[in-house]
Amino acid sequence: MSGNAIEVTGLRKTYAASGRTGPKLALNGIDLAIPQGAIFGLLGPNGAGKSTMINILAGLVTKTAGKVMIWGFDQDVNPRQSRAAIGVMPQELNLDPFFTPRGALEVQAGLYGVPKAQRNTDEILNLIGLEDKADAYARSLSGGMRRRLLLGKALVHHPQILVLDEPTAGVDIELRQMLWANIRRLNRQGMTIILTTHYLEEAQDMCDEIAILNHGQVIIRDRTVNLLARIDAKTLVIIPDGPAKPVNPPPGVTCRTRGDGALVFRYRRSDISADAILQAVRAAGITIRDVATEEPDLEDVFVELTSSRPVPAA
């Protein structure tokens, strides 16, 4: 083992032409190493190639070129071992409505060849909060319960790596908090977690490292704190002591007035200092009651990195 849970080298996927459309390049030579024990975010806009990459890791899609190592096993040389090392919680609710949660977990364990003596069905049902619904038909479960069951199915074969594809899409806050509490618990026990999500605040809160895909390529990969530090934009919020007056901000600074009367200035700290903005506010005859700054978040990073990237040639 290299210390990496997953190593991807030169990964390419081209879908064949269909109808009036020509061949589609979904992945364009991806190189990516995900360390053991990490909570790793795989982000990108729709069509960036995230789902294709996940399906290749899970053995559901055949790659066009490249090398995939999962927990030290070459996917081409040891397909069974590499597939056994990874569990995938898909975004789609693909459950048989006539199975109970207990039955679905038992069948899934059987498909992976887990001996009955090594199955931990009751433990998983307790983990996902479905012990009281263990013998109810899946068709009677709520959408949130079905999503929990998908997590349980991904865990039945004791994988070292867990992939979560949009795990909280369309679920309520309570279920989201429960899922993340379980994921953190699994990670503390040594499991490597790979997360795709459109909720960027989740990735910012959960992930140690993040890779952003766009047009089938990794455009950046870094620790989350380093990604946030890359953004030069900053926000200065000034609460005036009285009604807000018009302000002539310095060049390159935008200003808007919030509904509560606060003045919100956006600027690049490499171009101008906060003191210059404060001087402009005082020059407008405004008495300042309070000042606050807001640091950029992952959404700012995401937008800046993906909004102006050209489409690569096939």
C-alpha atoms as a PDB file:
ATOM      1  CA  MET A   1       0.000   0.000   0.000  1.00  0.00           C
ATOM      2  CA  SER A   2       1.209   3.502  -0.880  1.00  0.00           C
ATOM      3  CA  GLY A   3      -0.782   5.244   1.836  1.00  0.00           C
ATOM      4  CA  ASN A   4      -3.416   6.232  -0.693  1.00  0.00           C
ATOM      5  CA  ALA A   5      -6.889   4.755  -0.700  1.00  0.00           C
ATOM      6  CA  ILE A   6      -7.338   5.518  -4.404  1.00  0.00           C
ATOM      7  CA  GLU A   7      -4.829   6.338  -7.137  1.00  0.00           C
ATOM      8  CA  VAL A   8      -6.058   7.349 -10.574  1.00  0.00           C
ATOM      9  CA  THR A   9      -3.585   7.902 -13.411  1.00  0.00           C
ATOM     10  CA  GLY A  10      -4.367   9.162 -16.922  1.00  0.00           C
ATOM     11  CA  LEU A  11      -8.045   8.292 -16.574  1.00  0.00           C
ATOM     12  CA  ARG A  12     -10.033   8.902 -19.729  1.00  0.00           C
ATOM     13  CA  LYS A  13     -13.586   8.084 -20.715  1.00  0.00           C
ATOM     14  CA  THR A  14     -15.126   8.748 -24.109  1.00  0.00           C
ATOM     15  CA  TYR A  15     -18.730   7.836 -24.737  1.00  0.00           C
ATOM     16  CA  ALA A  16     -19.506   6.631 -28.239  1.00  0.00           C
ATOM     17  CA  ALA A  17     -21.456   8.759 -30.676  1.00  0.00           C
ATOM     18  CA  SER A  18     -25.223   8.418 -30.508  1.00  0.00           C
ATOM     19  CA  GLY A  19     -27.876   9.837 -32.799  1.00  0.00           C
ATOM     20  CA  ARG A  20     -26.850  13.267 -34.019  1.00  0.00           C
ATOM     21  CA  THR A  21     -24.186  13.802 -31.363  1.00  0.00           C
ATOM     22  CA  GLY A  22     -20.597  12.791 -31.805  1.00  0.00           C
ATOM     23  CA  PRO A  23     -18.317  11.087 -29.266  1.00  0.00           C
ATOM     24  CA  LYS A  24     -18.380  12.745 -25.844  1.00  0.00           C
ATOM     25  CA  LEU A  25     -15.196  13.129 -23.822  1.00  0.00           C
ATOM     26  CA  ALA A  26     -16.305  12.794 -20.193  1.00  0.00           C
ATOM     27  CA  LEU A  27     -12.902  12.391 -18.504  1.00  0.00           C
ATOM     28  CA  ASN A  28      -9.773  13.850 -20.039  1.00  0.00           C
ATOM     29  CA  GLY A  29      -6.660  12.348 -18.445  1.00  0.00           C
ATOM     30  CA  ILE A  30      -7.368  12.623 -14.724  1.00  0.00           C
ATOM     31  CA  ASP A  31      -4.534  12.099 -12.231  1.00  0.00           C
ATOM     32  CA  LEU A  32      -5.713  11.969  -8.630  1.00  0.00           C
ATOM     33  CA  ALA A  33      -4.539  10.373  -5.376  1.00  0.00           C
ATOM     34  CA  ILE A  34      -6.867  10.225  -2.353  1.00  0.00           C
ATOM     35  CA  PRO A  35      -5.126   9.459   0.953  1.00  0.00           C
ATOM     36  CA  GLN A  36      -6.330   6.822   3.377  1.00  0.00           C
ATOM     37  CA  GLY A  37      -8.486   8.076   6.210  1.00  0.00           C
ATOM     38  CA  ALA A  38      -9.463  11.357   4.530  1.00  0.00           C
ATOM     39  CA  ILE A  39     -12.857  12.913   3.958  1.00  0.00           C
ATOM     40  CA  PHE A  40     -12.294  13.978   0.366  1.00  0.00           C
ATOM     41  CA  GLY A  41     -14.583  16.231  -1.644  1.00  0.00           C
ATOM     42  CA  LEU A  42     -15.061  15.685  -5.379  1.00  0.00           C
ATOM     43  CA  LEU A  43     -16.815  18.788  -6.677  1.00  0.00           C
ATOM     44  CA  GLY A  44     -17.725  20.303 -10.010  1.00  0.00           C
ATOM     45  CA  PRO A  45     -20.609  21.707 -12.048  1.00  0.00           C
ATOM     46  CA  ASN A  46     -23.133  19.470 -13.780  1.00  0.00           C
ATOM     47  CA  GLY A  47     -21.451  17.545 -16.580  1.00  0.00           C
ATOM     48  CA  ALA A  48     -17.970  17.933 -15.102  1.00  0.00           C
ATOM     49  CA  GLY A  49     -17.403  14.159 -15.000  1.00  0.00           C
ATOM     50  CA  LYS A  50     -17.974  13.410 -11.301  1.00  0.00           C
ATOM     51  CA  SER A  51     -20.596  10.698 -11.807  1.00  0.00           C
ATOM     52  CA  THR A  52     -18.586   9.074 -14.577  1.00  0.00           C
ATOM     53  CA  MET A  53     -15.537   8.910 -12.337  1.00  0.00           C
ATOM     54  CA  ILE A  54     -17.513   7.478  -9.429  1.00  0.00           C
ATOM     55  CA  ASN A  55     -19.104   4.835 -11.658  1.00  0.00           C
ATOM     56  CA  ILE A  56     -15.660   3.838 -12.949  1.00  0.00           C
ATOM     57  CA  LEU A  57     -14.371   3.486  -9.383  1.00  0.00           C
ATOM     58  CA  ALA A  58     -17.412   1.354  -8.535  1.00  0.00           C
ATOM     59  CA  GLY A  59     -16.847  -0.878 -11.563  1.00  0.00           C
ATOM     60  CA  LEU A  60     -20.122   0.157 -13.207  1.00  0.00           C
ATOM     61  CA  VAL A  61     -18.575   1.981 -16.179  1.00  0.00           C
ATOM     62  CA  THR A  62     -15.630   0.787 -18.254  1.00  0.00           C
ATOM     63  CA  LYS A  63     -12.867   3.353 -18.666  1.00  0.00           C
ATOM     64  CA  THR A  64     -11.412   4.177 -22.079  1.00  0.00           C
ATOM     65  CA  ALA A  65      -7.833   4.525 -20.835  1.00  0.00           C
ATOM     66  CA  GLY A  66      -5.808   4.978 -17.689  1.00  0.00           C
ATOM     67  CA  LYS A  67      -5.098   3.126 -14.465  1.00  0.00           C
ATOM     68  CA  VAL A  68      -7.230   2.839 -11.324  1.00  0.00           C
ATOM     69  CA  MET A  69      -5.833   1.522  -8.039  1.00  0.00           C
ATOM     70  CA  ILE A  70      -8.305   0.959  -5.180  1.00  0.00           C
ATOM     71  CA  TRP A  71      -6.849   0.098  -1.772  1.00  0.00           C
ATOM     72  CA  GLY A  72      -3.703  -1.152  -3.500  1.00  0.00           C
ATOM     73  CA  PHE A  73      -5.528  -3.325  -6.043  1.00  0.00           C
ATOM     74  CA  ASP A  74      -5.290  -2.639  -9.761  1.00  0.00           C
ATOM     75  CA  GLN A  75      -8.843  -2.549 -11.055  1.00  0.00           C
ATOM     76  CA  ASP A  76      -7.811  -4.351 -14.259  1.00  0.00           C
ATOM     77  CA  VAL A  77      -5.742  -7.052 -12.533  1.00  0.00           C
ATOM     78  CA  ASN A  78      -7.796  -7.605  -9.360  1.00  0.00           C
ATOM     79  CA  PRO A  79     -11.344  -6.445 -10.162  1.00  0.00           C
ATOM     80  CA  ARG A  80     -13.029  -8.411  -7.355  1.00  0.00           C
ATOM     81  CA  GLN A  81     -10.662  -7.193  -4.644  1.00  0.00           C
ATOM     82  CA  SER A  82     -10.825  -3.587  -5.807  1.00  0.00           C
ATOM     83  CA  ARG A  83     -14.618  -3.659  -5.945  1.00  0.00           C
ATOM     84  CA  ALA A  84     -14.829  -5.227  -2.484  1.00  0.00           C
ATOM     85  CA  ALA A  85     -12.768  -2.365  -1.044  1.00  0.00           C
ATOM     86  CA  ILE A  86     -15.287   0.301  -2.017  1.00  0.00           C
ATOM     87  CA  GLY A  87     -18.924   0.944  -1.147  1.00  0.00           C
ATOM     88  CA  VAL A  88     -21.061   3.439  -3.051  1.00  0.00           C
ATOM     89  CA  MET A  89     -24.154   5.260  -1.828  1.00  0.00           C
ATOM     90  CA  PRO A  90     -25.775   6.376  -5.111  1.00  0.00           C
ATOM     91  CA  GLN A  91     -27.856   9.462  -5.599  1.00  0.00           C
ATOM     92  CA  GLU A  92     -30.746   7.534  -7.156  1.00  0.00           C
ATOM     93  CA  LEU A  93     -33.187   5.721  -4.858  1.00  0.00           C
ATOM     94  CA  ASN A  94     -32.765   2.337  -6.543  1.00  0.00           C
ATOM     95  CA  LEU A  95     -34.440   0.021  -4.029  1.00  0.00           C
ATOM     96  CA  ASP A  96     -36.632  -3.027  -4.525  1.00  0.00           C
ATOM     97  CA  PRO A  97     -39.988  -1.984  -2.996  1.00  0.00           C
ATOM     98  CA  PHE A  98     -40.795  -5.569  -1.948  1.00  0.00           C
ATOM     99  CA  PHE A  99     -37.714  -6.039   0.241  1.00  0.00           C
ATOM    100  CA  THR A 100     -37.603  -5.047   3.886  1.00  0.00           C
ATOM    101  CA  PRO A 101     -34.533  -3.123   5.072  1.00  0.00           C
ATOM    102  CA  ARG A 102     -33.263  -6.287   6.770  1.00  0.00           C
ATOM    103  CA  GLY A 103     -33.861  -8.323   3.640  1.00  0.00           C
ATOM    104  CA  ALA A 104     -32.206  -5.724   1.393  1.00  0.00           C
ATOM    105  CA  LEU A 105     -29.076  -5.680   3.559  1.00  0.00           C
ATOM    106  CA  GLU A 106     -28.924  -9.477   3.713  1.00  0.00           C
ATOM    107  CA  VAL A 107     -29.269  -9.809  -0.060  1.00  0.00           C
ATOM    108  CA  GLN A 108     -26.630  -7.152  -0.648  1.00  0.00           C
ATOM    109  CA  ALA A 109     -24.250  -8.922   1.720  1.00  0.00           C
ATOM    110  CA  GLY A 110     -24.883 -12.176  -0.119  1.00  0.00           C
ATOM    111  CA  LEU A 111     -24.096 -10.548  -3.465  1.00  0.00           C
ATOM    112  CA  TYR A 112     -20.703  -9.527  -2.045  1.00  0.00           C
ATOM    113  CA  GLY A 113     -20.099 -13.030  -0.710  1.00  0.00           C
ATOM    114  CA  VAL A 114     -20.125 -12.016   2.954  1.00  0.00           C
ATOM    115  CA  PRO A 115     -20.607 -15.181   5.081  1.00  0.00           C
ATOM    116  CA  LYS A 116     -23.625 -15.087   7.392  1.00  0.00           C
ATOM    117  CA  ALA A 117     -21.401 -15.272  10.451  1.00  0.00           C
ATOM    118  CA  GLN A 118     -19.630 -12.072   9.347  1.00  0.00           C
ATOM    119  CA  ARG A 119     -22.736 -10.024   8.545  1.00  0.00           C
ATOM    120  CA  ASN A 120     -23.603  -7.127  10.843  1.00  0.00           C
ATOM    121  CA  THR A 121     -27.113  -6.355   9.629  1.00  0.00           C
ATOM    122  CA  ASP A 122     -28.498  -5.364  13.026  1.00  0.00           C
ATOM    123  CA  GLU A 123     -25.541  -3.083  13.710  1.00  0.00           C
ATOM    124  CA  ILE A 124     -26.040  -1.325  10.362  1.00  0.00           C
ATOM    125  CA  LEU A 125     -29.791  -0.962  10.932  1.00  0.00           C
ATOM    126  CA  ASN A 126     -29.027   0.688  14.259  1.00  0.00           C
ATOM    127  CA  LEU A 127     -26.402   2.953  12.681  1.00  0.00           C
ATOM    128  CA  ILE A 128     -28.821   4.241  10.021  1.00  0.00           C
ATOM    129  CA  GLY A 129     -31.741   4.513  12.445  1.00  0.00           C
ATOM    130  CA  LEU A 130     -33.963   1.878  10.820  1.00  0.00           C
ATOM    131  CA  GLU A 131     -34.011  -0.765  13.563  1.00  0.00           C
ATOM    132  CA  ASP A 132     -37.717  -0.094  14.172  1.00  0.00           C
ATOM    133  CA  LYS A 133     -38.427  -0.412  10.417  1.00  0.00           C
ATOM    134  CA  ALA A 134     -36.269  -3.496   9.875  1.00  0.00           C
ATOM    135  CA  ASP A 135     -39.175  -5.670   8.729  1.00  0.00           C
ATOM    136  CA  ALA A 136     -41.285  -3.055   6.939  1.00  0.00           C
ATOM    137  CA  TYR A 137     -41.447  -3.152   3.147  1.00  0.00           C
ATOM    138  CA  ALA A 138     -39.159  -0.590   1.489  1.00  0.00           C
ATOM    139  CA  ARG A 139     -42.132   0.822  -0.413  1.00  0.00           C
ATOM    140  CA  SER A 140     -43.609   1.983   2.901  1.00  0.00           C
ATOM    141  CA  LEU A 141     -40.494   3.942   3.885  1.00  0.00           C
ATOM    142  CA  SER A 142     -40.229   7.702   3.524  1.00  0.00           C
ATOM    143  CA  GLY A 143     -37.735   9.207   1.082  1.00  0.00           C
ATOM    144  CA  GLY A 144     -35.332   9.975   3.913  1.00  0.00           C
ATOM    145  CA  MET A 145     -35.527   6.424   5.250  1.00  0.00           C
ATOM    146  CA  ARG A 146     -34.843   5.034   1.789  1.00  0.00           C
ATOM    147  CA  ARG A 147     -31.767   7.227   1.521  1.00  0.00           C
ATOM    148  CA  ARG A 148     -30.563   5.889   4.881  1.00  0.00           C
ATOM    149  CA  LEU A 149     -31.070   2.362   3.576  1.00  0.00           C
ATOM    150  CA  LEU A 150     -28.844   3.164   0.596  1.00  0.00           C
ATOM    151  CA  LEU A 151     -26.095   4.064   3.068  1.00  0.00           C
ATOM    152  CA  GLY A 152     -26.637   0.764   4.860  1.00  0.00           C
ATOM    153  CA  LYS A 153     -26.363  -1.210   1.613  1.00  0.00           C
ATOM    154  CA  ALA A 154     -23.040   0.484   0.858  1.00  0.00           C
ATOM    155  CA  LEU A 155     -21.645  -0.725   4.203  1.00  0.00           C
ATOM    156  CA  VAL A 156     -22.649  -4.406   4.245  1.00  0.00           C
ATOM    157  CA  HIS A 157     -19.350  -5.748   2.884  1.00  0.00           C
ATOM    158  CA  HIS A 158     -17.155  -3.768   5.320  1.00  0.00           C
ATOM    159  CA  PRO A 159     -15.515  -1.534   2.682  1.00  0.00           C
ATOM    160  CA  GLN A 160     -12.426   0.525   3.442  1.00  0.00           C
ATOM    161  CA  ILE A 161     -13.702   3.326   1.178  1.00  0.00           C
ATOM    162  CA  LEU A 162     -17.184   4.845   1.128  1.00  0.00           C
ATOM    163  CA  VAL A 163     -18.340   7.008  -1.785  1.00  0.00           C
ATOM    164  CA  LEU A 164     -21.313   9.305  -1.159  1.00  0.00           C
ATOM    165  CA  ASP A 165     -22.902  10.672  -4.329  1.00  0.00           C
ATOM    166  CA  GLU A 166     -25.062  13.677  -3.360  1.00  0.00           C
ATOM    167  CA  PRO A 167     -26.095  11.927  -0.114  1.00  0.00           C
ATOM    168  CA  THR A 168     -28.252  14.757   1.240  1.00  0.00           C
ATOM    169  CA  ALA A 169     -29.977  15.872  -1.962  1.00  0.00           C
ATOM    170  CA  GLY A 170     -33.606  16.591  -1.147  1.00  0.00           C
ATOM    171  CA  VAL A 171     -33.487  15.509   2.507  1.00  0.00           C
ATOM    172  CA  ASP A 172     -34.520  17.514   5.557  1.00  0.00           C
ATOM    173  CA  ILE A 173     -32.127  19.129   8.031  1.00  0.00           C
ATOM    174  CA  GLU A 174     -32.616  16.447  10.710  1.00  0.00           C
ATOM    175  CA  LEU A 175     -31.714  13.613   8.348  1.00  0.00           C
ATOM    176  CA  ARG A 176     -28.780  15.583   6.979  1.00  0.00           C
ATOM    177  CA  GLN A 177     -27.358  16.054  10.473  1.00  0.00           C
ATOM    178  CA  MET A 178     -27.851  12.368  11.254  1.00  0.00           C
ATOM    179  CA  LEU A 179     -26.073  11.315   8.057  1.00  0.00           C
ATOM    180  CA  TRP A 180     -23.096  13.561   8.750  1.00  0.00           C
ATOM    181  CA  ALA A 181     -22.840  12.365  12.343  1.00  0.00           C
ATOM    182  CA  ASN A 182     -22.681   8.777  11.051  1.00  0.00           C
ATOM    183  CA  ILE A 183     -20.141   9.669   8.364  1.00  0.00           C
ATOM    184  CA  ARG A 184     -17.861  11.353  10.893  1.00  0.00           C
ATOM    185  CA  ARG A 185     -18.147   8.284  13.134  1.00  0.00           C
ATOM    186  CA  LEU A 186     -17.179   5.957  10.284  1.00  0.00           C
ATOM    187  CA  ASN A 187     -14.266   8.211   9.380  1.00  0.00           C
ATOM    188  CA  ARG A 188     -13.005   8.192  12.975  1.00  0.00           C
ATOM    189  CA  GLN A 189     -13.023   4.401  12.748  1.00  0.00           C
ATOM    190  CA  GLY A 190     -10.619   4.625   9.789  1.00  0.00           C
ATOM    191  CA  MET A 191     -12.912   4.624   6.767  1.00  0.00           C
ATOM    192  CA  THR A 192     -11.961   6.837   3.814  1.00  0.00           C
ATOM    193  CA  ILE A 193     -14.900   8.980   2.654  1.00  0.00           C
ATOM    194  CA  ILE A 194     -15.325  10.453  -0.830  1.00  0.00           C
ATOM    195  CA  LEU A 195     -18.099  13.004  -1.124  1.00  0.00           C
ATOM    196  CA  THR A 196     -19.792  14.689  -4.063  1.00  0.00           C
ATOM    197  CA  THR A 197     -22.291  17.390  -3.217  1.00  0.00           C
ATOM    198  CA  HIS A 198     -23.888  20.540  -4.598  1.00  0.00           C
ATOM    199  CA  TYR A 199     -24.172  21.894  -1.053  1.00  0.00           C
ATOM    200  CA  LEU A 200     -20.825  23.631  -0.931  1.00  0.00           C
ATOM    201  CA  GLU A 201     -21.198  24.549   2.731  1.00  0.00           C
ATOM    202  CA  GLU A 202     -21.277  20.798   3.462  1.00  0.00           C
ATOM    203  CA  ALA A 203     -18.023  20.233   1.598  1.00  0.00           C
ATOM    204  CA  GLN A 204     -16.453  23.194   3.375  1.00  0.00           C
ATOM    205  CA  ASP A 205     -17.524  21.833   6.755  1.00  0.00           C
ATOM    206  CA  MET A 206     -16.807  18.137   6.157  1.00  0.00           C
ATOM    207  CA  CYS A 207     -13.864  17.742   3.791  1.00  0.00           C
ATOM    208  CA  ASP A 208     -10.153  17.730   4.625  1.00  0.00           C
ATOM    209  CA  GLU A 209      -9.240  18.058   0.943  1.00  0.00           C
ATOM    210  CA  ILE A 210     -11.140  18.910  -2.214  1.00  0.00           C
ATOM    211  CA  ALA A 211     -10.637  18.340  -5.922  1.00  0.00           C
ATOM    212  CA  ILE A 212     -12.685  20.416  -8.364  1.00  0.00           C
ATOM    213  CA  LEU A 213     -13.483  18.915 -11.753  1.00  0.00           C
ATOM    214  CA  ASN A 214     -14.510  20.865 -14.835  1.00  0.00           C
ATOM    215  CA  HIS A 215     -14.878  19.600 -18.400  1.00  0.00           C
ATOM    216  CA  GLY A 216     -13.476  16.208 -17.409  1.00  0.00           C
ATOM    217  CA  GLN A 217     -10.290  17.541 -15.831  1.00  0.00           C
ATOM    218  CA  VAL A 218      -9.089  18.228 -12.303  1.00  0.00           C
ATOM    219  CA  ILE A 219      -8.606  21.993 -12.334  1.00  0.00           C
ATOM    220  CA  ILE A 220      -7.421  22.191  -8.740  1.00  0.00           C
ATOM    221  CA  ARG A 221      -6.834  19.929  -5.752  1.00  0.00           C
ATOM    222  CA  ASP A 222      -5.809  21.206  -2.335  1.00  0.00           C
ATOM    223  CA  ARG A 223      -6.668  21.221   1.346  1.00  0.00           C
ATOM    224  CA  THR A 224      -9.932  23.018   2.009  1.00  0.00           C
ATOM    225  CA  VAL A 225      -8.296  25.739   4.106  1.00  0.00           C
ATOM    226  CA  ASN A 226      -5.802  26.431   1.313  1.00  0.00           C
ATOM    227  CA  LEU A 227      -8.547  26.704  -1.287  1.00  0.00           C
ATOM    228  CA  LEU A 228     -10.360  29.263   0.825  1.00  0.00           C
ATOM    229  CA  ALA A 229      -7.141  31.232   1.237  1.00  0.00           C
ATOM    230  CA  ARG A 230      -6.730  31.490  -2.561  1.00  0.00           C
ATOM    231  CA  ILE A 231      -9.644  33.856  -2.972  1.00  0.00           C
ATOM    232  CA  ASP A 232      -8.606  37.494  -2.832  1.00  0.00           C
ATOM    233  CA  ALA A 233     -12.147  38.847  -2.486  1.00  0.00           C
ATOM    234  CA  LYS A 234     -13.342  40.093   0.869  1.00  0.00           C
ATOM    235  CA  THR A 235     -16.490  41.659   2.275  1.00  0.00           C
ATOM    236  CA  LEU A 236     -16.645  44.576   4.689  1.00  0.00           C
ATOM    237  CA  VAL A 237     -19.976  45.193   6.439  1.00  0.00           C
ATOM    238  CA  ILE A 238     -20.484  48.604   8.045  1.00  0.00           C
ATOM    239  CA  ILE A 239     -23.453  49.343  10.270  1.00  0.00           C
ATOM    240  CA  PRO A 240     -24.048  53.116  10.370  1.00  0.00           C
ATOM    241  CA  ASP A 241     -25.251  54.930  13.444  1.00  0.00           C
ATOM    242  CA  GLY A 242     -28.368  56.280  11.738  1.00  0.00           C
ATOM    243  CA  PRO A 243     -29.808  56.185   8.199  1.00  0.00           C
ATOM    244  CA  ALA A 244     -27.306  55.238   5.510  1.00  0.00           C
ATOM    245  CA  LYS A 245     -26.079  57.991   3.187  1.00  0.00           C
ATOM    246  CA  PRO A 246     -24.695  57.652  -0.345  1.00  0.00           C
ATOM    247  CA  VAL A 247     -21.036  56.616  -0.380  1.00  0.00           C
ATOM    248  CA  ASN A 248     -18.568  57.110  -3.209  1.00  0.00           C
ATOM    249  CA  PRO A 249     -16.422  53.968  -2.805  1.00  0.00           C
ATOM    250  CA  PRO A 250     -12.816  53.761  -4.037  1.00  0.00           C
ATOM    251  CA  PRO A 251     -12.240  52.396  -7.564  1.00  0.00           C
ATOM    252  CA  GLY A 252     -12.748  48.634  -7.807  1.00  0.00           C
ATOM    253  CA  VAL A 253     -14.978  48.477  -4.727  1.00  0.00           C
ATOM    254  CA  THR A 254     -18.691  47.678  -4.985  1.00  0.00           C
ATOM    255  CA  CYS A 255     -21.189  48.907  -2.438  1.00  0.00           C
ATOM    256  CA  ARG A 256     -24.776  47.959  -1.711  1.00  0.00           C
ATOM    257  CA  THR A 257     -27.179  48.719   1.119  1.00  0.00           C
ATOM    258  CA  ARG A 258     -28.789  45.749   2.863  1.00  0.00           C
ATOM    259  CA  GLY A 259     -32.387  45.721   3.995  1.00  0.00           C
ATOM    260  CA  ASP A 260     -31.306  46.355   7.587  1.00  0.00           C
ATOM    261  CA  GLY A 261     -29.439  49.501   6.524  1.00  0.00           C
ATOM    262  CA  ALA A 262     -25.944  48.015   6.658  1.00  0.00           C
ATOM    263  CA  LEU A 263     -23.466  48.979   3.938  1.00  0.00           C
ATOM    264  CA  VAL A 264     -21.807  45.987   2.272  1.00  0.00           C
ATOM    265  CA  PHE A 265     -18.527  46.569   0.424  1.00  0.00           C
ATOM    266  CA  ARG A 266     -16.874  43.925  -1.783  1.00  0.00           C
ATOM    267  CA  TYR A 267     -13.216  44.434  -2.634  1.00  0.00           C
ATOM    268  CA  ARG A 268      -9.950  42.675  -3.407  1.00  0.00           C
ATOM    269  CA  ARG A 269      -7.522  42.958  -0.545  1.00  0.00           C
ATOM    270  CA  SER A 270      -4.561  42.887  -2.954  1.00  0.00           C
ATOM    271  CA  ASP A 271      -5.856  46.107  -4.580  1.00  0.00           C
ATOM    272  CA  ILE A 272      -7.133  48.141  -1.660  1.00  0.00           C
ATOM    273  CA  SER A 273      -7.139  48.200   2.115  1.00  0.00           C
ATOM    274  CA  ALA A 274     -10.130  48.180   4.420  1.00  0.00           C
ATOM    275  CA  ASP A 275      -8.908  51.490   5.826  1.00  0.00           C
ATOM    276  CA  ALA A 276      -9.446  53.202   2.456  1.00  0.00           C
ATOM    277  CA  ILE A 277     -13.063  52.061   2.514  1.00  0.00           C
ATOM    278  CA  LEU A 278     -13.529  53.297   6.066  1.00  0.00           C
ATOM    279  CA  GLN A 279     -12.115  56.680   5.057  1.00  0.00           C
ATOM    280  CA  ALA A 280     -14.628  56.894   2.182  1.00  0.00           C
ATOM    281  CA  VAL A 281     -17.456  56.113   4.604  1.00  0.00           C
ATOM    282  CA  ARG A 282     -16.335  58.811   7.032  1.00  0.00           C
ATOM    283  CA  ALA A 283     -15.937  61.283   4.159  1.00  0.00           C
ATOM    284  CA  ALA A 284     -19.611  60.698   3.347  1.00  0.00           C
ATOM    285  CA  GLY A 285     -20.459  61.948   6.823  1.00  0.00           C
ATOM    286  CA  ILE A 286     -21.455  58.544   8.173  1.00  0.00           C
ATOM    287  CA  THR A 287     -20.843  57.696  11.818  1.00  0.00           C
ATOM    288  CA  ILE A 288     -19.869  54.052  12.139  1.00  0.00           C
ATOM    289  CA  ARG A 289     -21.608  52.039  14.849  1.00  0.00           C
ATOM    290  CA  ASP A 290     -20.069  48.625  14.059  1.00  0.00           C
ATOM    291  CA  VAL A 291     -17.804  46.946  11.506  1.00  0.00           C
ATOM    292  CA  ALA A 292     -17.495  43.285  10.492  1.00  0.00           C
ATOM    293  CA  THR A 293     -15.547  41.441   7.826  1.00  0.00           C
ATOM    294  CA  GLU A 294     -16.623  38.295   6.009  1.00  0.00           C
ATOM    295  CA  GLU A 295     -14.139  35.812   4.601  1.00  0.00           C
ATOM    296  CA  PRO A 296     -14.793  34.056   1.281  1.00  0.00           C
ATOM    297  CA  ASP A 297     -16.447  30.659   1.355  1.00  0.00           C
ATOM    298  CA  LEU A 298     -16.126  27.601  -0.857  1.00  0.00           C
ATOM    299  CA  GLU A 299     -18.843  28.878  -3.183  1.00  0.00           C
ATOM    300  CA  ASP A 300     -16.645  31.864  -4.047  1.00  0.00           C
ATOM    301  CA  VAL A 301     -13.746  29.515  -4.819  1.00  0.00           C
ATOM    302  CA  PHE A 302     -15.955  27.225  -6.894  1.00  0.00           C
ATOM    303  CA  VAL A 303     -17.434  30.038  -9.004  1.00  0.00           C
ATOM    304  CA  GLU A 304     -14.088  31.700  -9.630  1.00  0.00           C
ATOM    305  CA  LEU A 305     -12.399  28.462 -10.706  1.00  0.00           C
ATOM    306  CA  THR A 306     -15.159  27.101 -12.940  1.00  0.00           C
ATOM    307  CA  SER A 307     -16.707  30.182 -14.548  1.00  0.00           C
ATOM    308  CA  SER A 308     -13.974  30.980 -17.048  1.00  0.00           C
ATOM    309  CA  ARG A 309     -12.308  27.668 -17.833  1.00  0.00           C
ATOM    310  CA  PRO A 310     -12.175  26.809 -21.550  1.00  0.00           C
ATOM    311  CA  VAL A 311     -13.463  23.476 -22.795  1.00  0.00           C
ATOM    312  CA  PRO A 312     -10.435  21.202 -23.474  1.00  0.00           C
ATOM    313  CA  ALA A 313      -9.942  19.518 -26.818  1.00  0.00           C
ATOM    314  CA  ALA A 314     -10.652  15.799 -27.030  1.00  0.00           C
END
